[in-house]
Amino acid sequence: MAKGTISNNIRRLRFDAGEMTQKDLAAKVGVTRQTIVAIEAAKYAPSLELAFQIAHAFGVPLNEVFWWDAD
C-alpha cells in the first residue's frame, strides 16, 4: 500500500473566516485546540467524521479542506 500524507487548508480557511482562532474552530467541532494544531501541522490525521465536521464548520466541501498526497 502506498504511503502518503493528508494535507489541509485549515489555516487559510480560518483566515478567510474572519481570522477564526484555533480555539474557536475546536469549540465548533468538539475537540481541543491542541487537536486542531496537530491537524493543521499534518501531525495528526482526523477521523472521517471530524474531517466532515471541520468542512461543515467552514461551509465548504471536504476536498476544499483536506487532500491526500501520495509519496
N, C-alpha and C. Protein backbone atom coordinates (compact mmCIF):
# COMPACT_ATOMS: atom_id res chain seq x y z
N MET A 1 0.84 -1.18 0.00
CA MET A 1 0.00 0.00 0.00
C MET A 1 0.89 1.24 0.00
N ALA A 2 0.53 2.23 -0.80
CA ALA A 2 1.30 3.46 -0.91
C ALA A 2 1.15 4.31 0.34
N LYS A 3 2.26 4.85 0.79
CA LYS A 3 2.23 5.79 1.91
C LYS A 3 1.97 7.17 1.34
N GLY A 4 1.37 7.99 2.13
CA GLY A 4 1.11 9.36 1.71
C GLY A 4 0.82 10.22 2.92
N THR A 5 0.55 11.46 2.67
CA THR A 5 0.22 12.37 3.76
C THR A 5 -1.10 13.08 3.47
N ILE A 6 -1.80 13.40 4.52
CA ILE A 6 -3.02 14.17 4.39
C ILE A 6 -2.67 15.62 4.64
N SER A 7 -2.90 16.46 3.65
CA SER A 7 -2.64 17.89 3.77
C SER A 7 -3.95 18.63 3.93
N ASN A 8 -3.87 19.88 4.35
CA ASN A 8 -5.10 20.63 4.58
C ASN A 8 -4.92 22.12 4.36
N ASN A 9 -6.06 22.80 4.24
CA ASN A 9 -6.14 24.25 4.08
C ASN A 9 -6.75 24.91 5.31
N ILE A 10 -6.68 24.28 6.45
CA ILE A 10 -7.39 24.80 7.62
C ILE A 10 -6.92 26.21 7.98
N ARG A 11 -5.64 26.43 7.98
CA ARG A 11 -5.14 27.76 8.36
C ARG A 11 -5.70 28.84 7.43
N ARG A 12 -5.66 28.60 6.12
CA ARG A 12 -6.20 29.58 5.18
C ARG A 12 -7.69 29.77 5.37
N LEU A 13 -8.41 28.66 5.57
CA LEU A 13 -9.85 28.75 5.77
C LEU A 13 -10.19 29.52 7.04
N ARG A 14 -9.41 29.32 8.09
CA ARG A 14 -9.64 30.09 9.32
C ARG A 14 -9.43 31.58 9.07
N PHE A 15 -8.39 31.92 8.33
CA PHE A 15 -8.12 33.32 7.99
C PHE A 15 -9.28 33.90 7.18
N ASP A 16 -9.73 33.14 6.19
CA ASP A 16 -10.83 33.59 5.32
C ASP A 16 -12.15 33.72 6.08
N ALA A 17 -12.25 33.02 7.20
CA ALA A 17 -13.48 33.07 8.02
C ALA A 17 -13.34 34.12 9.12
N GLY A 18 -12.75 35.25 8.78
CA GLY A 18 -12.64 36.34 9.74
C GLY A 18 -11.57 36.11 10.79
N GLU A 19 -10.49 35.43 10.38
CA GLU A 19 -9.39 35.11 11.28
C GLU A 19 -9.86 34.33 12.51
N MET A 20 -10.66 33.30 12.23
CA MET A 20 -11.13 32.39 13.29
C MET A 20 -9.92 31.79 14.00
N THR A 21 -9.99 31.71 15.31
CA THR A 21 -8.88 31.13 16.06
C THR A 21 -8.98 29.60 16.05
N GLN A 22 -7.87 28.97 16.37
CA GLN A 22 -7.87 27.52 16.51
C GLN A 22 -8.83 27.10 17.62
N LYS A 23 -8.87 27.89 18.68
CA LYS A 23 -9.78 27.60 19.79
C LYS A 23 -11.23 27.68 19.35
N ASP A 24 -11.58 28.68 18.54
CA ASP A 24 -12.96 28.81 18.03
C ASP A 24 -13.34 27.61 17.17
N LEU A 25 -12.45 27.20 16.27
CA LEU A 25 -12.73 26.05 15.42
C LEU A 25 -12.87 24.79 16.27
N ALA A 26 -11.99 24.62 17.23
CA ALA A 26 -12.04 23.46 18.11
C ALA A 26 -13.39 23.39 18.83
N ALA A 27 -13.87 24.52 19.32
CA ALA A 27 -15.17 24.55 20.02
C ALA A 27 -16.30 24.18 19.07
N LYS A 28 -16.23 24.64 17.82
CA LYS A 28 -17.28 24.33 16.84
C LYS A 28 -17.38 22.84 16.53
N VAL A 29 -16.24 22.15 16.55
CA VAL A 29 -16.25 20.74 16.15
C VAL A 29 -16.08 19.79 17.33
N GLY A 30 -15.94 20.33 18.54
CA GLY A 30 -15.92 19.49 19.73
C GLY A 30 -14.62 18.78 20.03
N VAL A 31 -13.49 19.44 19.72
CA VAL A 31 -12.18 18.88 20.05
C VAL A 31 -11.38 19.94 20.79
N THR A 32 -10.16 19.61 21.19
CA THR A 32 -9.30 20.58 21.85
C THR A 32 -8.55 21.42 20.81
N ARG A 33 -8.07 22.57 21.27
CA ARG A 33 -7.26 23.41 20.40
C ARG A 33 -6.01 22.66 19.95
N GLN A 34 -5.45 21.84 20.84
CA GLN A 34 -4.25 21.07 20.51
C GLN A 34 -4.51 20.11 19.36
N THR A 35 -5.72 19.57 19.28
CA THR A 35 -6.07 18.68 18.17
C THR A 35 -6.05 19.46 16.85
N ILE A 36 -6.61 20.66 16.86
CA ILE A 36 -6.60 21.49 15.65
C ILE A 36 -5.17 21.84 15.26
N VAL A 37 -4.34 22.19 16.24
CA VAL A 37 -2.93 22.49 15.98
C VAL A 37 -2.26 21.30 15.29
N ALA A 38 -2.47 20.11 15.82
CA ALA A 38 -1.84 18.91 15.25
C ALA A 38 -2.35 18.60 13.85
N ILE A 39 -3.64 18.79 13.61
CA ILE A 39 -4.20 18.55 12.28
C ILE A 39 -3.62 19.56 11.29
N GLU A 40 -3.61 20.84 11.65
CA GLU A 40 -3.06 21.87 10.76
C GLU A 40 -1.61 21.58 10.40
N ALA A 41 -0.85 21.08 11.35
CA ALA A 41 0.57 20.80 11.13
C ALA A 41 0.81 19.44 10.45
N ALA A 42 -0.27 18.75 10.10
CA ALA A 42 -0.19 17.42 9.47
C ALA A 42 0.54 16.42 10.37
N LYS A 43 0.42 16.61 11.68
CA LYS A 43 0.99 15.66 12.63
C LYS A 43 -0.05 14.63 13.07
N TYR A 44 -1.30 14.89 12.73
CA TYR A 44 -2.41 14.03 13.13
C TYR A 44 -3.45 14.04 12.02
N ALA A 45 -3.90 12.86 11.62
CA ALA A 45 -4.95 12.75 10.61
C ALA A 45 -6.29 12.59 11.32
N PRO A 46 -7.23 13.47 11.04
CA PRO A 46 -8.52 13.39 11.73
C PRO A 46 -9.32 12.18 11.27
N SER A 47 -10.27 11.79 12.11
CA SER A 47 -11.20 10.75 11.68
C SER A 47 -12.03 11.31 10.53
N LEU A 48 -12.66 10.44 9.79
CA LEU A 48 -13.50 10.88 8.69
C LEU A 48 -14.63 11.78 9.21
N GLU A 49 -15.21 11.39 10.33
CA GLU A 49 -16.28 12.19 10.91
C GLU A 49 -15.79 13.60 11.28
N LEU A 50 -14.63 13.70 11.92
CA LEU A 50 -14.10 15.00 12.28
C LEU A 50 -13.75 15.82 11.04
N ALA A 51 -13.22 15.18 10.02
CA ALA A 51 -12.90 15.88 8.78
C ALA A 51 -14.16 16.51 8.18
N PHE A 52 -15.26 15.75 8.17
CA PHE A 52 -16.52 16.29 7.66
C PHE A 52 -17.04 17.43 8.55
N GLN A 53 -16.86 17.31 9.86
CA GLN A 53 -17.30 18.37 10.77
C GLN A 53 -16.51 19.66 10.54
N ILE A 54 -15.23 19.53 10.30
CA ILE A 54 -14.41 20.71 10.03
C ILE A 54 -14.85 21.36 8.73
N ALA A 55 -15.05 20.57 7.69
CA ALA A 55 -15.52 21.12 6.42
C ALA A 55 -16.86 21.82 6.60
N HIS A 56 -17.75 21.22 7.36
CA HIS A 56 -19.07 21.81 7.62
C HIS A 56 -18.93 23.13 8.38
N ALA A 57 -18.00 23.20 9.31
CA ALA A 57 -17.79 24.44 10.08
C ALA A 57 -17.40 25.60 9.17
N PHE A 58 -16.72 25.29 8.07
CA PHE A 58 -16.34 26.33 7.12
C PHE A 58 -17.35 26.48 5.97
N GLY A 59 -18.30 25.56 5.89
CA GLY A 59 -19.30 25.62 4.82
C GLY A 59 -18.74 25.30 3.45
N VAL A 60 -17.76 24.40 3.42
CA VAL A 60 -17.14 24.01 2.15
C VAL A 60 -17.11 22.49 2.03
N PRO A 61 -16.95 21.97 0.81
CA PRO A 61 -16.83 20.52 0.64
C PRO A 61 -15.53 20.00 1.26
N LEU A 62 -15.55 18.74 1.62
CA LEU A 62 -14.40 18.10 2.26
C LEU A 62 -13.11 18.28 1.47
N ASN A 63 -13.19 18.17 0.15
CA ASN A 63 -11.97 18.24 -0.66
C ASN A 63 -11.39 19.66 -0.75
N GLU A 64 -12.10 20.66 -0.23
CA GLU A 64 -11.53 22.00 -0.13
C GLU A 64 -10.75 22.18 1.16
N VAL A 65 -10.90 21.23 2.08
CA VAL A 65 -10.19 21.30 3.36
C VAL A 65 -9.02 20.32 3.37
N PHE A 66 -9.27 19.08 2.94
CA PHE A 66 -8.27 18.02 3.03
C PHE A 66 -8.01 17.39 1.67
N TRP A 67 -6.79 16.93 1.46
CA TRP A 67 -6.45 16.12 0.29
C TRP A 67 -5.30 15.21 0.67
N TRP A 68 -5.15 14.15 -0.09
CA TRP A 68 -4.12 13.15 0.16
C TRP A 68 -3.02 13.28 -0.87
N ASP A 69 -1.78 13.41 -0.39
CA ASP A 69 -0.61 13.48 -1.27
C ASP A 69 0.09 12.12 -1.24
N ALA A 70 0.08 11.43 -2.37
CA ALA A 70 0.77 10.15 -2.45
C ALA A 70 2.27 10.41 -2.55
N ASP A 71 3.05 9.57 -1.90
CA ASP A 71 4.52 9.69 -1.97
C ASP A 71 5.03 9.06 -3.24
